[in-house]
Amino acid sequence: MPKPNYQYEKRQRELAKKQKKEEKARRKANPSQPESESESAPEQAQAPQDSPDAQAAPQG
């Protein structure tokens, strides 16, 4: 059984947090746009995390 890659997981959490922060800033800058677009972005960020190939990728 492979050991967990904590650095990869931390990086993914940081990227998700950064993306969420940027999305919030965009919504704040353009309040006239519907929020449905912003809801689809986090789903795309989660997809690479769930794939088994992404977790098996070695870090250098």
Foldseek 3Di string as FASTA:
>chain_A
DDDFDVVLVVVLVVVLVVLLVVLVVVCVVPVPDDCPVVVVVSVVSCVLVPDPVNRPDDDD
